[in-house]
Amino acid sequence: MFVKVEGEYLKGCRGDSGGPFYQGGVAYGIMAGLIGGDHGNCTMKGRTVTFSAIDKIQTFLGVEVLTQPVTLTAS
């Protein structure tokens, strides 16, 4: 399942697929792709993007996706 999002301030570029889809420090999903526009223009605003939502990824893969910062310590 993919989510389609349109917005004036969305940016994306060729090669972003598989990377995180986030705003600020909050992850929403895994980037699937761009729809329309010049994929080589990475500074272009107003993109339409698709991504797989985190809850669907977790269910499908049987994993927990960390969406908040964690602190790792050596033992």
PDB file of N, CA and C in Angstrom:
ATOM      1  N   MET A   1       0.843  -1.168   0.000  1.00  0.00           N
ATOM      2  CA  MET A   1       0.000   0.000   0.000  1.00  0.00           C
ATOM      3  C   MET A   1       0.893   1.237   0.000  1.00  0.00           C
ATOM      4  N   PHE A   2       0.538   2.196  -0.850  1.00  0.00           N
ATOM      5  CA  PHE A   2       1.288   3.438  -0.933  1.00  0.00           C
ATOM      6  C   PHE A   2       0.392   4.617  -0.579  1.00  0.00           C
ATOM      7  N   VAL A   3       1.003   5.650  -0.047  1.00  0.00           N
ATOM      8  CA  VAL A   3       0.318   6.899   0.254  1.00  0.00           C
ATOM      9  C   VAL A   3       0.806   7.930  -0.753  1.00  0.00           C
ATOM     10  N   LYS A   4      -0.114   8.677  -1.347  1.00  0.00           N
ATOM     11  CA  LYS A   4       0.238   9.737  -2.297  1.00  0.00           C
ATOM     12  C   LYS A   4       0.079  11.076  -1.595  1.00  0.00           C
ATOM     13  N   VAL A   5       1.115  11.902  -1.667  1.00  0.00           N
ATOM     14  CA  VAL A   5       1.100  13.195  -0.997  1.00  0.00           C
ATOM     15  C   VAL A   5       1.514  14.278  -1.986  1.00  0.00           C
ATOM     16  N   GLU A   6       0.778  15.373  -1.989  1.00  0.00           N
ATOM     17  CA  GLU A   6       1.121  16.530  -2.812  1.00  0.00           C
ATOM     18  C   GLU A   6       1.322  17.715  -1.889  1.00  0.00           C
ATOM     19  N   GLY A   7       2.297  18.560  -2.209  1.00  0.00           N
ATOM     20  CA  GLY A   7       2.488  19.728  -1.371  1.00  0.00           C
ATOM     21  C   GLY A   7       3.486  20.710  -1.934  1.00  0.00           C
ATOM     22  N   GLU A   8       3.264  21.964  -1.606  1.00  0.00           N
ATOM     23  CA  GLU A   8       4.108  23.038  -2.112  1.00  0.00           C
ATOM     24  C   GLU A   8       5.557  22.885  -1.666  1.00  0.00           C
ATOM     25  N   TYR A   9       5.786  22.375  -0.463  1.00  0.00           N
ATOM     26  CA  TYR A   9       7.142  22.325   0.074  1.00  0.00           C
ATOM     27  C   TYR A   9       7.780  20.943   0.007  1.00  0.00           C
ATOM     28  N   LEU A  10       7.133  19.993  -0.660  1.00  0.00           N
ATOM     29  CA  LEU A  10       7.732  18.669  -0.814  1.00  0.00           C
ATOM     30  C   LEU A  10       8.869  18.733  -1.820  1.00  0.00           C
ATOM     31  N   LYS A  11       9.959  18.060  -1.494  1.00  0.00           N
ATOM     32  CA  LYS A  11      11.086  17.966  -2.419  1.00  0.00           C
ATOM     33  C   LYS A  11      11.467  16.502  -2.551  1.00  0.00           C
ATOM     34  N   GLY A  12      11.982  16.159  -3.691  1.00  0.00           N
ATOM     35  CA  GLY A  12      12.445  14.801  -3.918  1.00  0.00           C
ATOM     36  C   GLY A  12      13.336  14.787  -5.135  1.00  0.00           C
ATOM     37  N   CYS A  13      14.077  13.704  -5.294  1.00  0.00           N
ATOM     38  CA  CYS A  13      15.024  13.628  -6.397  1.00  0.00           C
ATOM     39  C   CYS A  13      15.174  12.181  -6.847  1.00  0.00           C
ATOM     40  N   ARG A  14      15.637  12.015  -8.063  1.00  0.00           N
ATOM     41  CA  ARG A  14      15.940  10.679  -8.577  1.00  0.00           C
ATOM     42  C   ARG A  14      16.895   9.999  -7.587  1.00  0.00           C
ATOM     43  N   GLY A  15      16.610   8.775  -7.234  1.00  0.00           N
ATOM     44  CA  GLY A  15      17.462   8.033  -6.304  1.00  0.00           C
ATOM     45  C   GLY A  15      16.981   8.061  -4.863  1.00  0.00           C
ATOM     46  N   ASP A  16      15.923   8.808  -4.564  1.00  0.00           N
ATOM     47  CA  ASP A  16      15.406   8.878  -3.189  1.00  0.00           C
ATOM     48  C   ASP A  16      14.607   7.639  -2.785  1.00  0.00           C
ATOM     49  N   SER A  17      14.193   6.844  -3.747  1.00  0.00           N
ATOM     50  CA  SER A  17      13.401   5.642  -3.445  1.00  0.00           C
ATOM     51  C   SER A  17      14.143   4.744  -2.465  1.00  0.00           C
ATOM     52  N   GLY A  18      13.408   4.252  -1.475  1.00  0.00           N
ATOM     53  CA  GLY A  18      13.999   3.385  -0.457  1.00  0.00           C
ATOM     54  C   GLY A  18      14.502   4.144   0.753  1.00  0.00           C
ATOM     55  N   GLY A  19      14.582   5.458   0.648  1.00  0.00           N
ATOM     56  CA  GLY A  19      15.021   6.285   1.768  1.00  0.00           C
ATOM     57  C   GLY A  19      13.847   6.680   2.643  1.00  0.00           C
ATOM     58  N   PRO A  20      14.126   7.377   3.742  1.00  0.00           N
ATOM     59  CA  PRO A  20      13.049   7.763   4.652  1.00  0.00           C
ATOM     60  C   PRO A  20      12.191   8.887   4.091  1.00  0.00           C
ATOM     61  N   PHE A  21      10.913   8.856   4.415  1.00  0.00           N
ATOM     62  CA  PHE A  21      10.004   9.964   4.118  1.00  0.00           C
ATOM     63  C   PHE A  21       9.681  10.579   5.466  1.00  0.00           C
ATOM     64  N   TYR A  22      10.130  11.805   5.694  1.00  0.00           N
ATOM     65  CA  TYR A  22      10.004  12.399   7.024  1.00  0.00           C
ATOM     66  C   TYR A  22       9.800  13.903   6.943  1.00  0.00           C
ATOM     67  N   GLN A  23       9.375  14.461   8.069  1.00  0.00           N
ATOM     68  CA  GLN A  23       9.288  15.906   8.240  1.00  0.00           C
ATOM     69  C   GLN A  23       9.856  16.212   9.606  1.00  0.00           C
ATOM     70  N   GLY A  24      10.806  17.119   9.657  1.00  0.00           N
ATOM     71  CA  GLY A  24      11.472  17.408  10.921  1.00  0.00           C
ATOM     72  C   GLY A  24      12.160  16.141  11.407  1.00  0.00           C
ATOM     73  N   GLY A  25      11.881  15.721  12.620  1.00  0.00           N
ATOM     74  CA  GLY A  25      12.473  14.511  13.153  1.00  0.00           C
ATOM     75  C   GLY A  25      11.532  13.328  13.196  1.00  0.00           C
ATOM     76  N   VAL A  26      10.412  13.409  12.477  1.00  0.00           N
ATOM     77  CA  VAL A  26       9.416  12.337  12.519  1.00  0.00           C
ATOM     78  C   VAL A  26       9.383  11.592  11.188  1.00  0.00           C
ATOM     79  N   ALA A  27       9.570  10.283  11.249  1.00  0.00           N
ATOM     80  CA  ALA A  27       9.511   9.444  10.050  1.00  0.00           C
ATOM     81  C   ALA A  27       8.078   8.997   9.809  1.00  0.00           C
ATOM     82  N   TYR A  28       7.656   9.065   8.546  1.00  0.00           N
ATOM     83  CA  TYR A  28       6.308   8.651   8.179  1.00  0.00           C
ATOM     84  C   TYR A  28       6.292   7.399   7.323  1.00  0.00           C
ATOM     85  N   GLY A  29       7.409   7.108   6.658  1.00  0.00           N
ATOM     86  CA  GLY A  29       7.432   5.937   5.791  1.00  0.00           C
ATOM     87  C   GLY A  29       8.704   5.825   4.985  1.00  0.00           C
ATOM     88  N   ILE A  30       8.661   4.942   4.007  1.00  0.00           N
ATOM     89  CA  ILE A  30       9.775   4.702   3.100  1.00  0.00           C
ATOM     90  C   ILE A  30       9.381   5.238   1.729  1.00  0.00           C
ATOM     91  N   MET A  31      10.217   6.102   1.180  1.00  0.00           N
ATOM     92  CA  MET A  31       9.950   6.750  -0.110  1.00  0.00           C
ATOM     93  C   MET A  31       9.816   5.718  -1.217  1.00  0.00           C
ATOM     94  N   ALA A  32       8.755   5.839  -2.006  1.00  0.00           N
ATOM     95  CA  ALA A  32       8.544   4.939  -3.138  1.00  0.00           C
ATOM     96  C   ALA A  32       8.923   5.614  -4.451  1.00  0.00           C
ATOM     97  N   GLY A  33       8.521   6.862  -4.655  1.00  0.00           N
ATOM     98  CA  GLY A  33       8.867   7.522  -5.904  1.00  0.00           C
ATOM     99  C   GLY A  33       8.210   8.872  -6.074  1.00  0.00           C
ATOM    100  N   LEU A  34       8.533   9.499  -7.207  1.00  0.00           N
ATOM    101  CA  LEU A  34       7.993  10.804  -7.576  1.00  0.00           C
ATOM    102  C   LEU A  34       7.021  10.627  -8.723  1.00  0.00           C
ATOM    103  N   ILE A  35       6.035  11.492  -8.788  1.00  0.00           N
ATOM    104  CA  ILE A  35       5.074  11.461  -9.888  1.00  0.00           C
ATOM    105  C   ILE A  35       5.179  12.786 -10.631  1.00  0.00           C
ATOM    106  N   GLY A  36       5.448  12.716 -11.922  1.00  0.00           N
ATOM    107  CA  GLY A  36       5.512  13.904 -12.768  1.00  0.00           C
ATOM    108  C   GLY A  36       6.690  14.801 -12.465  1.00  0.00           C
ATOM    109  N   GLY A  37       6.806  15.873 -13.230  1.00  0.00           N
ATOM    110  CA  GLY A  37       7.852  16.863 -13.002  1.00  0.00           C
ATOM    111  C   GLY A  37       9.216  16.412 -13.493  1.00  0.00           C
ATOM    112  N   ASP A  38      10.199  17.249 -13.245  1.00  0.00           N
ATOM    113  CA  ASP A  38      11.581  17.007 -13.652  1.00  0.00           C
ATOM    114  C   ASP A  38      12.311  16.298 -12.520  1.00  0.00           C
ATOM    115  N   HIS A  39      12.522  15.009 -12.627  1.00  0.00           N
ATOM    116  CA  HIS A  39      13.147  14.231 -11.549  1.00  0.00           C
ATOM    117  C   HIS A  39      14.608  14.597 -11.338  1.00  0.00           C
ATOM    118  N   GLY A  40      15.227  15.242 -12.315  1.00  0.00           N
ATOM    119  CA  GLY A  40      16.619  15.652 -12.169  1.00  0.00           C
ATOM    120  C   GLY A  40      16.775  16.974 -11.435  1.00  0.00           C
ATOM    121  N   ASN A  41      15.679  17.716 -11.252  1.00  0.00           N
ATOM    122  CA  ASN A  41      15.720  19.005 -10.569  1.00  0.00           C
ATOM    123  C   ASN A  41      15.419  18.791  -9.090  1.00  0.00           C
ATOM    124  N   CYS A  42      16.463  18.613  -8.289  1.00  0.00           N
ATOM    125  CA  CYS A  42      16.296  18.255  -6.878  1.00  0.00           C
ATOM    126  C   CYS A  42      15.850  19.420  -5.997  1.00  0.00           C
ATOM    127  N   THR A  43      15.889  20.639  -6.516  1.00  0.00           N
ATOM    128  CA  THR A  43      15.476  21.789  -5.709  1.00  0.00           C
ATOM    129  C   THR A  43      14.049  22.226  -6.011  1.00  0.00           C
ATOM    130  N   MET A  44      13.412  21.572  -6.970  1.00  0.00           N
ATOM    131  CA  MET A  44      12.042  21.925  -7.350  1.00  0.00           C
ATOM    132  C   MET A  44      11.071  21.638  -6.204  1.00  0.00           C
ATOM    133  N   LYS A  45      10.244  22.615  -5.875  1.00  0.00           N
ATOM    134  CA  LYS A  45       9.213  22.428  -4.847  1.00  0.00           C
ATOM    135  C   LYS A  45       7.917  22.010  -5.520  1.00  0.00           C
ATOM    136  N   GLY A  46       6.969  21.565  -4.711  1.00  0.00           N
ATOM    137  CA  GLY A  46       5.649  21.237  -5.226  1.00  0.00           C
ATOM    138  C   GLY A  46       5.580  19.860  -5.856  1.00  0.00           C
ATOM    139  N   ARG A  47       6.251  18.910  -5.271  1.00  0.00           N
ATOM    140  CA  ARG A  47       6.284  17.543  -5.781  1.00  0.00           C
ATOM    141  C   ARG A  47       5.035  16.764  -5.400  1.00  0.00           C
ATOM    142  N   THR A  48       4.802  15.700  -6.143  1.00  0.00           N
ATOM    143  CA  THR A  48       3.851  14.671  -5.751  1.00  0.00           C
ATOM    144  C   THR A  48       4.687  13.427  -5.512  1.00  0.00           C
ATOM    145  N   VAL A  49       4.639  12.906  -4.305  1.00  0.00           N
ATOM    146  CA  VAL A  49       5.451  11.742  -3.956  1.00  0.00           C
ATOM    147  C   VAL A  49       4.562  10.611  -3.455  1.00  0.00           C
ATOM    148  N   THR A  50       5.084   9.402  -3.530  1.00  0.00           N
ATOM    149  CA  THR A  50       4.407   8.239  -2.954  1.00  0.00           C
ATOM    150  C   THR A  50       5.358   7.585  -1.963  1.00  0.00           C
ATOM    151  N   PHE A  51       4.792   7.059  -0.887  1.00  0.00           N
ATOM    152  CA  PHE A  51       5.609   6.361   0.098  1.00  0.00           C
ATOM    153  C   PHE A  51       4.795   5.256   0.751  1.00  0.00           C
ATOM    154  N   SER A  52       5.502   4.282   1.305  1.00  0.00           N
ATOM    155  CA  SER A  52       4.870   3.207   2.074  1.00  0.00           C
ATOM    156  C   SER A  52       4.812   3.658   3.523  1.00  0.00           C
ATOM    157  N   ALA A  53       3.624   3.649   4.107  1.00  0.00           N
ATOM    158  CA  ALA A  53       3.448   4.110   5.486  1.00  0.00           C
ATOM    159  C   ALA A  53       4.125   3.157   6.470  1.00  0.00           C
ATOM    160  N   ILE A  54       4.681   3.721   7.539  1.00  0.00           N
ATOM    161  CA  ILE A  54       5.426   2.938   8.524  1.00  0.00           C
ATOM    162  C   ILE A  54       4.608   1.792   9.100  1.00  0.00           C
ATOM    163  N   ASP A  55       3.339   2.025   9.432  1.00  0.00           N
ATOM    164  CA  ASP A  55       2.555   0.937  10.029  1.00  0.00           C
ATOM    165  C   ASP A  55       2.421  -0.244   9.071  1.00  0.00           C
ATOM    166  N   LYS A  56       2.328   0.014   7.773  1.00  0.00           N
ATOM    167  CA  LYS A  56       2.229  -1.072   6.790  1.00  0.00           C
ATOM    168  C   LYS A  56       3.560  -1.797   6.641  1.00  0.00           C
ATOM    169  N   ILE A  57       4.662  -1.052   6.688  1.00  0.00           N
ATOM    170  CA  ILE A  57       5.994  -1.652   6.584  1.00  0.00           C
ATOM    171  C   ILE A  57       6.241  -2.576   7.767  1.00  0.00           C
ATOM    172  N   GLN A  58       5.918  -2.094   8.968  1.00  0.00           N
ATOM    173  CA  GLN A  58       6.131  -2.898  10.172  1.00  0.00           C
ATOM    174  C   GLN A  58       5.353  -4.205  10.107  1.00  0.00           C
ATOM    175  N   THR A  59       4.096  -4.126   9.704  1.00  0.00           N
ATOM    176  CA  THR A  59       3.261  -5.321   9.611  1.00  0.00           C
ATOM    177  C   THR A  59       3.797  -6.284   8.563  1.00  0.00           C
ATOM    178  N   PHE A  60       4.121  -5.768   7.384  1.00  0.00           N
ATOM    179  CA  PHE A  60       4.579  -6.610   6.280  1.00  0.00           C
ATOM    180  C   PHE A  60       5.905  -7.297   6.603  1.00  0.00           C
ATOM    181  N   LEU A  61       6.856  -6.563   7.182  1.00  0.00           N
ATOM    182  CA  LEU A  61       8.181  -7.118   7.468  1.00  0.00           C
ATOM    183  C   LEU A  61       8.286  -7.767   8.842  1.00  0.00           C
ATOM    184  N   GLY A  62       7.311  -7.515   9.710  1.00  0.00           N
ATOM    185  CA  GLY A  62       7.373  -8.065  11.061  1.00  0.00           C
ATOM    186  C   GLY A  62       8.481  -7.429  11.888  1.00  0.00           C
ATOM    187  N   VAL A  63       8.677  -6.113  11.713  1.00  0.00           N
ATOM    188  CA  VAL A  63       9.722  -5.388  12.432  1.00  0.00           C
ATOM    189  C   VAL A  63       9.124  -4.157  13.097  1.00  0.00           C
ATOM    190  N   GLU A  64       9.914  -3.528  13.955  1.00  0.00           N
ATOM    191  CA  GLU A  64       9.521  -2.255  14.545  1.00  0.00           C
ATOM    192  C   GLU A  64      10.445  -1.183  13.993  1.00  0.00           C
ATOM    193  N   VAL A  65       9.879  -0.182  13.352  1.00  0.00           N
ATOM    194  CA  VAL A  65      10.661   0.912  12.785  1.00  0.00           C
ATOM    195  C   VAL A  65      10.799   1.997  13.843  1.00  0.00           C
ATOM    196  N   LEU A  66      12.037   2.376  14.155  1.00  0.00           N
ATOM    197  CA  LEU A  66      12.270   3.426  15.141  1.00  0.00           C
ATOM    198  C   LEU A  66      11.944   4.771  14.518  1.00  0.00           C
ATOM    199  N   THR A  67      11.062   5.523  15.158  1.00  0.00           N
ATOM    200  CA  THR A  67      10.646   6.820  14.624  1.00  0.00           C
ATOM    201  C   THR A  67      11.094   7.974  15.509  1.00  0.00           C
ATOM    202  N   GLN A  68      11.714   7.677  16.627  1.00  0.00           N
ATOM    203  CA  GLN A  68      12.226   8.700  17.528  1.00  0.00           C
ATOM    204  C   GLN A  68      13.707   8.416  17.784  1.00  0.00           C
ATOM    205  N   PRO A  69      14.490   9.448  18.102  1.00  0.00           N
ATOM    206  CA  PRO A  69      15.916   9.237  18.375  1.00  0.00           C
ATOM    207  C   PRO A  69      16.123   8.288  19.551  1.00  0.00           C
ATOM    208  N   VAL A  70      17.184   7.502  19.473  1.00  0.00           N
ATOM    209  CA  VAL A  70      17.560   6.607  20.567  1.00  0.00           C
ATOM    210  C   VAL A  70      19.016   6.869  20.917  1.00  0.00           C
ATOM    211  N   THR A  71      19.387   6.582  22.151  1.00  0.00           N
ATOM    212  CA  THR A  71      20.766   6.716  22.590  1.00  0.00           C
ATOM    213  C   THR A  71      21.331   5.325  22.812  1.00  0.00           C
ATOM    214  N   LEU A  72      22.416   5.031  22.117  1.00  0.00           N
ATOM    215  CA  LEU A  72      23.072   3.734  22.265  1.00  0.00           C
ATOM    216  C   LEU A  72      24.265   3.896  23.190  1.00  0.00           C
ATOM    217  N   THR A  73      24.445   2.942  24.092  1.00  0.00           N
ATOM    218  CA  THR A  73      25.587   2.982  24.997  1.00  0.00           C
ATOM    219  C   THR A  73      26.360   1.681  24.885  1.00  0.00           C
ATOM    220  N   ALA A  74      27.669   1.791  25.019  1.00  0.00           N
ATOM    221  CA  ALA A  74      28.521   0.597  24.974  1.00  0.00           C
ATOM    222  C   ALA A  74      28.455  -0.110  26.318  1.00  0.00           C
ATOM    223  N   SER A  75      28.515  -1.432  26.288  1.00  0.00           N
ATOM    224  CA  SER A  75      28.486  -2.168  27.561  1.00  0.00           C
ATOM    225  C   SER A  75      29.754  -2.949  27.748  1.00  0.00           C
TER     226      SER A  75
END
